[in-house]
Amino acid sequence: MDTALLRSNAPRLALLAVLAAGAAAFVLLGGYRYLTFGELVEHEHVLVARANAHPVSAPLLFCLAYLVLGFFGLPGNTVLMISSGVLFGFWRGLCLVIMASTAASTLAFLSFRYLFRSLVEGRVSGRLREVEEGLRREGAYFVFALRLLPVVPYSVANLVLAVSPVTFGAYVGMSLLGLLPRYALYTYTGTRLGDVQNPDDLFSPPLVAALALLAVLPWIIRKVVPKARRSAGTR
């Protein structure tokens, strides 16, 4: 029985081993030391020169790096978004970030859903079942709100959304819509690298509050508009 169970879960265990090995290699090889804002500022001119010297391979390497970070759930995507503006300019950098981030989050979503969704689904009961049904109905709003808030880490959001019942289409579409302001802000920051001392300063309390309000706005509209229409119809 145990052998059969192990055999049936072999693909999941293999995928989990790959994810764990990738994360461990990143830590052991010191990858986190290179994906910092300070390193980007210090080596800005060298990186720009290399990107200009390799106009085809540089964007491909950038997308590959973003894909690897997203798939393994590693930190550093903020620095990569800023570096896109440094290396490629605003519009080209923004397009690269959108493509690479969408591919990375899609791969992470499919991997995490394959690994953990059935485990979570088998333990849902009672009030959690009601929450599941609510997320199934309004999954797009949930994805949009979670992606828009900068306080929720990118990798954590990928995992939470993967184990939730939101559909793949809602995940991809609303992730792109919710993350677009963050993409644009960080890419633009890269084009003005000398004016920024710390990327964390970009998200001031008023900006976080505005994004939070924008995150709940679709829910408010969805609740208020039908009531207003019903009230108008009874008059």
Protein backbone atom coordinates (compact mmCIF):
# COMPACT_ATOMS: atom_id res chain seq x y z
CA MET A 1 0.00 0.00 0.00
CA ASP A 2 2.79 2.42 0.96
CA THR A 3 4.71 1.48 -2.16
CA ALA A 4 1.66 2.14 -4.36
CA LEU A 5 1.08 5.48 -2.66
CA LEU A 6 4.70 6.45 -3.11
CA ARG A 7 4.62 5.43 -6.74
CA SER A 8 1.46 7.44 -7.44
CA ASN A 9 3.01 10.54 -5.83
CA ALA A 10 6.42 10.12 -7.49
CA PRO A 11 5.92 12.99 -9.97
CA ARG A 12 4.89 15.36 -7.17
CA LEU A 13 7.84 14.32 -5.02
CA ALA A 14 10.20 14.81 -7.97
CA LEU A 15 8.85 18.30 -8.66
CA LEU A 16 9.06 19.17 -4.96
CA ALA A 17 12.66 17.93 -4.89
CA VAL A 18 13.53 20.11 -7.90
CA LEU A 19 12.00 23.19 -6.24
CA ALA A 20 13.81 22.49 -2.97
CA ALA A 21 17.12 21.85 -4.75
CA GLY A 22 16.82 25.06 -6.74
CA ALA A 23 16.09 27.14 -3.65
CA ALA A 24 18.94 25.48 -1.74
CA ALA A 25 21.39 26.07 -4.60
CA PHE A 26 20.41 29.73 -4.73
CA VAL A 27 21.17 30.13 -1.02
CA LEU A 28 24.33 28.04 -0.95
CA LEU A 29 25.83 29.73 -4.01
CA GLY A 30 25.08 33.15 -2.55
CA GLY A 31 22.69 34.26 -5.28
CA TYR A 32 20.87 36.50 -2.84
CA ARG A 33 24.03 38.64 -2.49
CA TYR A 34 23.94 39.66 -6.15
CA LEU A 35 20.23 40.46 -6.44
CA THR A 36 20.32 43.54 -4.22
CA PHE A 37 19.68 47.18 -4.91
CA GLY A 38 23.21 48.08 -3.80
CA GLU A 39 24.78 45.65 -6.28
CA LEU A 40 22.64 47.07 -9.07
CA VAL A 41 23.69 50.65 -8.31
CA GLU A 42 27.37 49.69 -7.96
CA HIS A 43 27.54 47.80 -11.26
CA GLU A 44 25.05 49.87 -13.25
CA HIS A 45 27.48 51.07 -15.92
CA VAL A 46 29.01 47.63 -16.47
CA LEU A 47 25.58 46.01 -16.80
CA VAL A 48 24.35 48.67 -19.23
CA ALA A 49 27.47 48.28 -21.37
CA ARG A 50 27.02 44.50 -21.53
CA ALA A 51 23.31 44.81 -22.36
CA ASN A 52 24.11 47.24 -25.17
CA ALA A 53 26.82 44.93 -26.49
CA HIS A 54 24.40 41.96 -26.57
CA PRO A 55 21.03 43.35 -27.74
CA VAL A 56 19.56 39.89 -28.41
CA SER A 57 20.94 37.71 -25.63
CA ALA A 58 20.58 40.32 -22.86
CA PRO A 59 16.74 40.41 -22.95
CA LEU A 60 16.65 36.60 -23.18
CA LEU A 61 18.92 36.24 -20.14
CA PHE A 62 16.80 38.76 -18.24
CA CYS A 63 13.61 36.78 -18.97
CA LEU A 64 15.33 33.51 -18.06
CA ALA A 65 16.49 34.95 -14.71
CA TYR A 66 12.98 36.17 -13.95
CA LEU A 67 11.53 32.79 -14.90
CA VAL A 68 13.95 30.95 -12.61
CA LEU A 69 13.24 33.24 -9.66
CA GLY A 70 9.49 32.94 -10.15
CA PHE A 71 9.51 29.17 -10.56
CA PHE A 72 11.63 28.51 -7.48
CA GLY A 73 9.89 31.20 -5.39
CA LEU A 74 13.16 33.06 -4.79
CA PRO A 75 13.57 36.70 -3.71
CA GLY A 76 14.96 39.28 -6.11
CA ASN A 77 12.17 40.09 -8.55
CA THR A 78 12.04 43.69 -7.31
CA VAL A 79 15.68 44.23 -8.27
CA LEU A 80 15.04 42.57 -11.63
CA MET A 81 12.11 44.88 -12.34
CA ILE A 82 14.25 47.92 -11.53
CA SER A 83 17.10 46.55 -13.64
CA SER A 84 14.75 46.26 -16.63
CA GLY A 85 14.45 50.04 -16.67
CA VAL A 86 18.20 50.45 -16.21
CA LEU A 87 19.13 48.09 -19.03
CA PHE A 88 16.34 48.46 -21.57
CA GLY A 89 14.53 51.74 -20.92
CA PHE A 90 10.95 52.14 -19.74
CA TRP A 91 8.76 50.75 -22.52
CA ARG A 92 11.00 47.90 -23.61
CA GLY A 93 11.80 47.05 -20.00
CA LEU A 94 8.11 47.10 -19.05
CA CYS A 95 7.23 44.73 -21.91
CA LEU A 96 9.99 42.34 -20.86
CA VAL A 97 8.84 42.41 -17.23
CA ILE A 98 5.23 41.72 -18.24
CA MET A 99 6.20 38.76 -20.43
CA ALA A 100 8.72 37.27 -18.00
CA SER A 101 6.61 37.77 -14.89
CA THR A 102 3.50 36.33 -16.54
CA ALA A 103 5.45 33.26 -17.65
CA ALA A 104 7.05 32.86 -14.21
CA SER A 105 3.81 33.26 -12.26
CA THR A 106 2.03 30.87 -14.63
CA LEU A 107 4.70 28.22 -14.15
CA ALA A 108 4.65 28.72 -10.38
CA PHE A 109 0.85 28.54 -10.28
CA LEU A 110 0.70 25.28 -12.26
CA SER A 111 3.49 23.74 -10.17
CA PHE A 112 2.03 24.71 -6.79
CA ARG A 113 -1.48 23.70 -7.83
CA TYR A 114 -0.25 20.30 -8.95
CA LEU A 115 1.66 19.85 -5.70
CA PHE A 116 -0.73 21.16 -3.07
CA ARG A 117 -4.25 21.80 -4.37
CA SER A 118 -5.56 18.26 -3.88
CA LEU A 119 -4.07 18.19 -0.38
CA VAL A 120 -5.87 21.40 0.60
CA GLU A 121 -9.10 20.40 -1.16
CA GLY A 122 -9.27 17.13 0.78
CA ARG A 123 -9.15 18.99 4.11
CA VAL A 124 -11.75 21.65 3.38
CA SER A 125 -14.99 21.30 5.34
CA GLY A 126 -17.55 23.34 7.28
CA ARG A 127 -17.08 27.09 7.07
CA LEU A 128 -13.96 26.61 4.96
CA ARG A 129 -16.19 25.04 2.35
CA GLU A 130 -18.23 28.26 2.25
CA VAL A 131 -15.03 30.27 1.84
CA GLU A 132 -14.02 27.99 -1.02
CA GLU A 133 -17.35 28.53 -2.76
CA GLY A 134 -17.03 32.28 -2.31
CA LEU A 135 -13.54 32.26 -3.82
CA ARG A 136 -14.80 30.12 -6.67
CA ARG A 137 -17.51 32.70 -7.46
CA GLU A 138 -15.40 35.83 -6.92
CA GLY A 139 -11.93 34.52 -7.61
CA ALA A 140 -11.08 37.29 -10.07
CA TYR A 141 -11.67 39.96 -7.41
CA PHE A 142 -9.56 38.02 -4.92
CA VAL A 143 -6.65 37.71 -7.38
CA PHE A 144 -6.83 41.40 -8.26
CA ALA A 145 -6.83 42.51 -4.61
CA LEU A 146 -4.00 40.19 -3.60
CA ARG A 147 -1.80 41.21 -6.52
CA LEU A 148 -2.41 44.92 -6.11
CA LEU A 149 -1.26 45.09 -2.48
CA PRO A 150 2.54 45.56 -2.31
CA VAL A 151 2.65 44.15 1.25
CA VAL A 152 1.93 40.64 -0.09
CA PRO A 153 5.15 39.07 -1.44
CA TYR A 154 5.02 37.87 -5.05
CA SER A 155 5.94 34.24 -4.24
CA VAL A 156 3.52 34.03 -1.31
CA ALA A 157 0.69 35.27 -3.52
CA ASN A 158 1.56 32.64 -6.13
CA LEU A 159 1.28 29.87 -3.54
CA VAL A 160 -1.92 31.17 -1.92
CA LEU A 161 -3.66 31.58 -5.26
CA ALA A 162 -2.49 28.17 -6.50
CA VAL A 163 -4.07 26.30 -3.55
CA SER A 164 -7.26 28.38 -3.79
CA PRO A 165 -10.12 27.45 -6.16
CA VAL A 166 -9.60 30.44 -8.49
CA THR A 167 -9.54 29.52 -12.17
CA PHE A 168 -6.39 29.64 -14.27
CA GLY A 169 -7.85 32.32 -16.55
CA ALA A 170 -8.76 34.60 -13.64
CA TYR A 171 -5.33 34.07 -12.14
CA VAL A 172 -3.41 35.05 -15.28
CA GLY A 173 -5.65 37.94 -16.36
CA MET A 174 -6.18 39.57 -12.98
CA SER A 175 -2.57 39.00 -11.92
CA LEU A 176 -1.43 41.00 -14.92
CA LEU A 177 -3.94 43.75 -14.22
CA GLY A 178 -3.15 43.91 -10.50
CA LEU A 179 0.62 43.82 -10.91
CA LEU A 180 0.81 46.33 -13.76
CA PRO A 181 1.11 49.40 -11.47
CA ARG A 182 3.98 47.73 -9.63
CA TYR A 183 5.68 46.78 -12.89
CA ALA A 184 5.43 50.33 -14.21
CA LEU A 185 6.63 51.92 -10.96
CA TYR A 186 9.71 49.74 -10.57
CA THR A 187 10.64 49.89 -14.26
CA TYR A 188 10.37 53.66 -14.25
CA THR A 189 12.52 53.70 -11.11
CA GLY A 190 15.22 51.93 -13.09
CA THR A 191 15.28 54.76 -15.61
CA ARG A 192 15.87 57.18 -12.71
CA LEU A 193 18.19 54.99 -10.66
CA GLY A 194 20.34 57.85 -9.38
CA ASP A 195 17.33 59.54 -7.76
CA VAL A 196 16.38 56.55 -5.57
CA GLN A 197 18.22 55.61 -2.38
CA ASN A 198 16.05 52.65 -1.39
CA PRO A 199 13.33 50.91 -3.47
CA ASP A 200 11.26 50.41 -0.31
CA ASP A 201 10.80 54.18 -0.15
CA LEU A 202 8.72 54.03 -3.33
CA PHE A 203 5.75 52.61 -1.45
CA SER A 204 4.94 55.44 0.91
CA PRO A 205 1.95 55.06 3.29
CA PRO A 206 -0.33 57.21 1.06
CA LEU A 207 0.52 55.08 -1.98
CA VAL A 208 -0.08 51.82 -0.08
CA ALA A 209 -3.41 53.22 1.16
CA ALA A 210 -4.38 54.21 -2.39
CA LEU A 211 -3.53 50.74 -3.72
CA ALA A 212 -5.49 49.13 -0.87
CA LEU A 213 -8.51 51.26 -1.75
CA LEU A 214 -8.15 50.34 -5.40
CA ALA A 215 -7.92 46.67 -4.40
CA VAL A 216 -11.30 46.68 -2.62
CA LEU A 217 -12.99 49.00 -5.13
CA PRO A 218 -14.18 46.16 -7.44
CA TRP A 219 -15.90 44.46 -4.49
CA ILE A 220 -17.55 47.72 -3.45
CA ILE A 221 -18.80 48.35 -6.98
CA ARG A 222 -20.03 44.78 -7.30
CA LYS A 223 -22.09 45.10 -4.11
CA VAL A 224 -23.32 48.68 -4.49
CA VAL A 225 -24.27 48.81 -8.18
CA PRO A 226 -26.80 45.90 -8.13
CA LYS A 227 -28.46 47.36 -5.01
CA ALA A 228 -28.67 50.76 -6.64
CA ARG A 229 -30.25 49.22 -9.72
CA ARG A 230 -32.79 47.30 -7.64
CA SER A 231 -33.67 50.44 -5.71
CA ALA A 232 -34.11 52.39 -8.95
CA GLY A 233 -36.30 49.63 -10.37
CA THR A 234 -38.71 49.67 -7.43
CA ARG A 235 -39.39 53.38 -7.74
